[in-house]
Amino acid sequence: MPPRAYPTARQKRVGIELRKLRERAGLSGSAVAAFLGGERAQVSHLESGRYGVSAERVRRIAAHCSATDKHLVDALASMAEERGKGWWEEYRGVLPPGFLDLAELEHHATYLRAIQMLNIPGLFQTEAYARELITSGVTNLPTTDVNARVEHRVRRREIFDRPNPPKFEAIVHEAALRMRYASVDVMRAQLNFLQEASRWPSVTIRIIPFDTQITGSVDSMLYAGAEIPQLDTVQIDSAFVGGHLDAEAQLARYRALLDSLVAISLDVDESRKFILDIAQRM
């Protein structure tokens, strides 16, 4: 079986964690390959997500690496067993892989926390607002591509239609509410929808007003909780840093950042009123 050309972020994560187990055990890739009865390249492909790996093989590798964290091994085995393709796979070859990885990340998350400094969170963007953002950010994009990006963004909200949707806490800066990316009518409709979304049972939206002091620079980001904390993921959205972060120190840093921003943001009821007031004043 040839290696995967474009492994998903989740497939890569299984490989990353297997590599961490091997390195903690002080084993070389060649040593694990010999144990599996294969070549060194096979282990390289497994650890990069380019080769699939069965739950049984995950457990064999973990045992060979003397891994003692049963919850981690069980979680990795469960991830390795996933065979179904999510709705986002319909867009493979149409949208950049990062779009698909984001939808996959949100789909599998047990909870989500986000910081948005300049835009309305993607999960709560109206079609009209999303279209304006996409067309203003990417010049000369074909209409079919624009339509696919807008459709994909709106479909990501399907996670809230599940019987037990993930809890989602969004911290949004006032700048994101006031930035005029579109006409007054589009912006007003967007703010009204955000205010409506804040009343969904699994959604919490908090606003940071302009006059609230923030210590240090803050990037927009998404924190996706996994079955166990070691498998949490941070997705960064900025002009200078991108991609997924998963090192324990990085996860701890962003958990602390989110908690600190919650402490200085308006409470839920104040935030709803704040959003509505801005919409009515447009």
Protein backbone atom coordinates (compact mmCIF):
# COMPACT_ATOMS: atom_id res chain seq x y z
CA MET A 1 0.00 0.00 0.00
CA PRO A 2 1.51 3.36 -1.03
CA PRO A 3 1.97 6.07 1.61
CA ARG A 4 -0.82 8.60 2.03
CA ALA A 5 -0.10 11.74 0.05
CA TYR A 6 -1.95 14.01 2.48
CA PRO A 7 -2.50 12.48 5.93
CA THR A 8 -5.02 14.36 8.05
CA ALA A 9 -3.98 16.21 11.18
CA ARG A 10 -5.56 13.46 13.26
CA GLN A 11 -3.64 10.73 11.42
CA LYS A 12 -0.45 12.73 11.90
CA ARG A 13 -1.21 13.07 15.61
CA VAL A 14 -1.32 9.29 16.09
CA GLY A 15 2.10 9.09 14.47
CA ILE A 16 3.48 11.96 16.54
CA GLU A 17 2.38 10.27 19.76
CA LEU A 18 3.91 6.95 18.69
CA ARG A 19 7.18 8.76 18.02
CA LYS A 20 7.02 10.35 21.49
CA LEU A 21 6.55 6.89 23.05
CA ARG A 22 9.54 5.56 21.12
CA GLU A 23 11.77 8.50 22.03
CA ARG A 24 10.83 8.33 25.73
CA ALA A 25 11.83 4.67 25.67
CA GLY A 26 15.18 5.59 24.13
CA LEU A 27 14.56 3.39 21.10
CA SER A 28 15.68 4.13 17.57
CA GLY A 29 13.38 3.88 14.58
CA SER A 30 15.44 0.93 13.38
CA ALA A 31 14.88 -0.89 16.68
CA VAL A 32 11.10 -0.50 16.42
CA ALA A 33 11.23 -1.52 12.75
CA ALA A 34 13.11 -4.69 13.68
CA PHE A 35 10.49 -5.46 16.34
CA LEU A 36 7.71 -5.03 13.77
CA GLY A 37 9.61 -7.05 11.20
CA GLY A 38 9.88 -4.23 8.71
CA GLU A 39 12.20 -1.53 7.41
CA ARG A 40 13.18 1.75 9.08
CA ALA A 41 11.21 3.61 6.40
CA GLN A 42 8.05 1.85 7.59
CA VAL A 43 8.39 3.39 11.05
CA SER A 44 9.10 6.76 9.51
CA HIS A 45 5.88 6.52 7.51
CA LEU A 46 3.91 5.41 10.58
CA GLU A 47 5.22 8.30 12.66
CA SER A 48 4.41 10.85 9.95
CA GLY A 49 0.87 9.54 9.47
CA ARG A 50 1.59 8.47 5.89
CA TYR A 51 0.89 4.83 6.78
CA GLY A 52 -2.21 3.70 8.58
CA VAL A 53 -1.78 1.74 11.78
CA SER A 54 -4.18 -0.70 13.44
CA ALA A 55 -5.23 -0.52 17.06
CA GLU A 56 -3.43 -3.84 17.64
CA ARG A 57 -0.18 -2.45 16.23
CA VAL A 58 -0.52 0.69 18.35
CA ARG A 59 -0.75 -1.50 21.44
CA ARG A 60 2.20 -3.64 20.34
CA ILE A 61 4.39 -0.59 19.78
CA ALA A 62 3.27 0.92 23.10
CA ALA A 63 4.08 -2.30 24.94
CA HIS A 64 7.49 -2.50 23.25
CA CYS A 65 8.15 1.08 24.37
CA SER A 66 7.09 0.16 27.96
CA ALA A 67 4.29 2.77 27.86
CA THR A 68 2.40 2.70 31.16
CA ASP A 69 -0.30 5.33 30.47
CA LYS A 70 -3.25 3.04 29.72
CA HIS A 71 -5.61 5.94 28.97
CA LEU A 72 -3.23 7.37 26.37
CA VAL A 73 -2.69 3.99 24.70
CA ASP A 74 -6.44 3.30 24.64
CA ALA A 75 -7.12 6.72 23.12
CA LEU A 76 -4.47 6.25 20.43
CA ALA A 77 -5.80 2.79 19.62
CA SER A 78 -9.29 4.25 19.27
CA MET A 79 -8.02 6.99 16.94
CA ALA A 80 -6.18 4.42 14.85
CA GLU A 81 -9.37 2.38 14.43
CA GLU A 82 -11.30 5.28 12.89
CA ARG A 83 -12.23 4.31 9.37
CA GLY A 84 -15.24 6.45 8.54
CA LYS A 85 -14.78 9.57 6.42
CA GLY A 86 -16.39 12.77 7.65
CA TRP A 87 -18.42 15.15 5.51
CA TRP A 88 -15.34 17.36 5.06
CA GLU A 89 -13.76 14.71 2.83
CA GLU A 90 -16.18 15.84 0.12
CA TYR A 91 -13.98 18.93 -0.18
CA ARG A 92 -10.64 17.14 -0.57
CA GLY A 93 -8.98 18.42 -3.72
CA VAL A 94 -11.31 21.42 -3.67
CA LEU A 95 -10.15 23.22 -0.53
CA PRO A 96 -6.68 23.39 1.05
CA PRO A 97 -6.04 20.51 3.51
CA GLY A 98 -6.02 22.91 6.48
CA PHE A 99 -9.75 23.56 6.00
CA LEU A 100 -10.45 19.85 6.24
CA ASP A 101 -8.18 19.44 9.26
CA LEU A 102 -10.07 22.20 11.10
CA ALA A 103 -13.45 20.57 10.47
CA GLU A 104 -12.04 17.21 11.59
CA LEU A 105 -10.58 18.78 14.73
CA GLU A 106 -13.90 20.38 15.67
CA HIS A 107 -15.84 17.19 14.91
CA HIS A 108 -13.79 15.02 17.26
CA ALA A 109 -13.34 17.58 20.06
CA THR A 110 -14.93 16.90 23.43
CA TYR A 111 -15.00 20.66 24.03
CA LEU A 112 -13.79 23.78 22.23
CA ARG A 113 -12.44 27.13 23.42
CA ALA A 114 -11.56 29.98 21.10
CA ILE A 115 -10.08 33.47 21.07
CA GLN A 116 -11.03 35.79 18.21
CA MET A 117 -9.50 39.24 18.15
CA LEU A 118 -10.55 40.60 14.75
CA ASN A 119 -13.21 38.29 13.26
CA ILE A 120 -16.42 36.67 14.38
CA PRO A 121 -15.61 33.00 15.17
CA GLY A 122 -15.93 30.91 12.03
CA LEU A 123 -18.55 28.57 13.51
CA PHE A 124 -20.86 31.54 14.05
CA GLN A 125 -20.37 33.39 10.77
CA THR A 126 -23.37 34.00 8.56
CA GLU A 127 -23.06 33.06 4.92
CA ALA A 128 -22.98 36.71 3.83
CA TYR A 129 -20.33 37.70 6.38
CA ALA A 130 -18.16 34.67 5.55
CA ARG A 131 -18.39 35.45 1.84
CA GLU A 132 -17.21 39.03 2.40
CA LEU A 133 -14.28 37.86 4.54
CA ILE A 134 -13.22 35.24 2.02
CA THR A 135 -13.44 37.45 -1.06
CA SER A 136 -11.64 40.33 0.63
CA GLY A 137 -8.86 38.11 1.94
CA VAL A 138 -8.15 36.11 -1.23
CA THR A 139 -8.09 38.10 -4.45
CA ASN A 140 -9.16 36.65 -7.81
CA LEU A 141 -10.49 33.46 -6.23
CA PRO A 142 -12.86 31.68 -8.68
CA THR A 143 -16.54 31.86 -7.76
CA THR A 144 -16.73 28.06 -7.41
CA ASP A 145 -13.89 28.15 -4.87
CA VAL A 146 -15.52 30.98 -2.94
CA ASN A 147 -18.80 29.07 -2.83
CA ALA A 148 -17.02 25.92 -1.61
CA ARG A 149 -15.24 27.83 1.17
CA VAL A 150 -18.46 29.50 2.33
CA GLU A 151 -20.41 26.24 2.22
CA HIS A 152 -17.69 24.41 4.16
CA ARG A 153 -17.57 27.13 6.82
CA VAL A 154 -21.32 27.05 7.34
CA ARG A 155 -21.41 23.23 7.44
CA ARG A 156 -18.92 23.22 10.30
CA ARG A 157 -21.86 24.26 12.51
CA GLU A 158 -23.28 20.76 12.17
CA ILE A 159 -21.44 19.85 15.38
CA PHE A 160 -24.14 21.77 17.27
CA ASP A 161 -26.91 19.66 15.72
CA ARG A 162 -25.70 16.48 17.44
CA PRO A 163 -27.61 15.10 20.45
CA ASN A 164 -24.61 15.91 22.67
CA PRO A 165 -22.75 18.79 21.02
CA PRO A 166 -19.35 19.83 22.38
CA LYS A 167 -19.26 22.74 24.78
CA PHE A 168 -17.91 25.80 23.01
CA GLU A 169 -16.58 28.87 24.80
CA ALA A 170 -15.62 31.80 22.56
CA ILE A 171 -13.82 34.90 23.81
CA VAL A 172 -14.33 37.69 21.29
CA HIS A 173 -12.72 41.12 21.37
CA GLU A 174 -14.89 44.17 20.73
CA ALA A 175 -12.74 44.90 17.67
CA ALA A 176 -14.18 41.80 15.98
CA LEU A 177 -17.69 43.17 16.47
CA ARG A 178 -16.92 46.61 15.06
CA MET A 179 -14.63 45.83 12.13
CA ARG A 180 -16.60 46.70 8.98
CA TYR A 181 -15.87 43.81 6.67
CA ALA A 182 -19.23 44.22 4.94
CA SER A 183 -22.23 46.50 4.59
CA VAL A 184 -24.13 47.71 7.63
CA ASP A 185 -26.98 45.29 6.89
CA VAL A 186 -24.63 42.30 6.68
CA MET A 187 -22.80 43.33 9.85
CA ARG A 188 -26.02 43.88 11.77
CA ALA A 189 -27.37 40.49 10.69
CA GLN A 190 -24.07 38.90 11.70
CA LEU A 191 -24.15 40.43 15.18
CA ASN A 192 -27.78 39.43 15.65
CA PHE A 193 -26.88 35.86 14.69
CA LEU A 194 -23.93 35.87 17.11
CA GLN A 195 -26.24 37.07 19.86
CA GLU A 196 -28.68 34.27 18.99
CA ALA A 197 -25.89 31.66 18.97
CA SER A 198 -24.85 32.78 22.45
CA ARG A 199 -28.16 31.32 23.69
CA TRP A 200 -27.56 27.85 22.26
CA PRO A 201 -27.31 25.35 25.15
CA SER A 202 -23.69 24.35 24.54
CA VAL A 203 -22.36 27.79 23.58
CA THR A 204 -20.81 30.48 25.79
CA ILE A 205 -19.70 33.78 24.26
CA ARG A 206 -17.78 36.39 26.25
CA ILE A 207 -16.76 39.83 25.04
CA ILE A 208 -13.61 41.79 25.91
CA PRO A 209 -14.37 45.53 25.56
CA PHE A 210 -11.86 48.00 24.17
CA ASP A 211 -11.34 49.61 27.57
CA THR A 212 -10.20 46.34 29.17
CA GLN A 213 -6.43 46.04 29.49
CA ILE A 214 -4.84 42.94 27.95
CA THR A 215 -1.32 42.03 28.99
CA GLY A 216 0.84 41.04 26.03
CA SER A 217 0.02 40.09 22.46
CA VAL A 218 -2.84 37.66 21.89
CA ASP A 219 -3.33 35.62 18.71
CA SER A 220 -6.65 34.26 17.56
CA MET A 221 -6.70 30.53 18.26
CA LEU A 222 -8.83 27.43 18.77
CA TYR A 223 -8.28 25.00 21.64
CA ALA A 224 -9.77 21.55 21.01
CA GLY A 225 -10.15 19.25 23.98
CA ALA A 226 -9.62 15.54 23.38
CA GLU A 227 -10.65 12.40 25.21
CA ILE A 228 -7.60 12.88 27.43
CA PRO A 229 -5.68 16.15 28.03
CA GLN A 230 -2.45 14.83 26.47
CA LEU A 231 -4.19 14.71 23.10
CA ASP A 232 -5.60 18.25 23.20
CA THR A 233 -4.69 20.46 20.24
CA VAL A 234 -4.22 24.19 19.70
CA GLN A 235 -4.79 25.64 16.26
CA ILE A 236 -3.18 29.06 15.80
CA ASP A 237 -4.57 31.61 13.36
CA SER A 238 -2.21 34.51 12.71
CA ALA A 239 -0.08 36.06 9.97
CA PHE A 240 3.14 34.72 11.51
CA VAL A 241 2.25 31.44 13.23
CA GLY A 242 0.01 28.69 11.94
CA GLY A 243 -0.74 25.02 12.20
CA HIS A 244 -1.35 22.78 15.19
CA LEU A 245 0.46 22.78 18.54
CA ASP A 246 0.43 19.74 20.82
CA ALA A 247 3.45 19.91 23.15
CA GLU A 248 2.39 19.72 26.80
CA ALA A 249 4.06 23.05 27.64
CA GLN A 250 2.27 24.76 24.74
CA LEU A 251 -1.11 23.33 25.76
CA ALA A 252 -0.61 24.50 29.34
CA ARG A 253 0.32 27.98 28.14
CA TYR A 254 -2.84 28.36 26.08
CA ARG A 255 -5.08 26.93 28.77
CA ALA A 256 -3.68 29.57 31.13
CA LEU A 257 -4.16 32.29 28.49
CA LEU A 258 -7.79 31.32 27.95
CA ASP A 259 -8.47 31.33 31.69
CA SER A 260 -6.85 34.76 32.07
CA LEU A 261 -9.01 36.21 29.28
CA VAL A 262 -12.17 34.74 30.76
CA ALA A 263 -11.29 36.53 34.01
CA ILE A 264 -11.21 39.97 32.31
CA SER A 265 -14.12 39.49 29.89
CA LEU A 266 -17.77 40.38 30.42
CA ASP A 267 -20.04 37.71 31.81
CA VAL A 268 -22.49 35.91 29.54
CA ASP A 269 -25.50 38.19 30.07
CA GLU A 270 -23.41 41.35 29.78
CA SER A 271 -21.84 40.02 26.60
CA ARG A 272 -25.23 39.34 24.99
CA LYS A 273 -26.36 42.86 25.83
CA PHE A 274 -23.07 44.29 24.55
CA ILE A 275 -23.43 42.53 21.17
CA LEU A 276 -27.06 43.59 20.81
CA ASP A 277 -26.27 47.20 21.68
CA ILE A 278 -23.59 47.44 18.98
CA ALA A 279 -25.94 45.87 16.42
CA GLN A 280 -28.72 48.33 17.24
CA ARG A 281 -26.40 51.32 16.99
CA MET A 282 -25.22 50.47 13.45
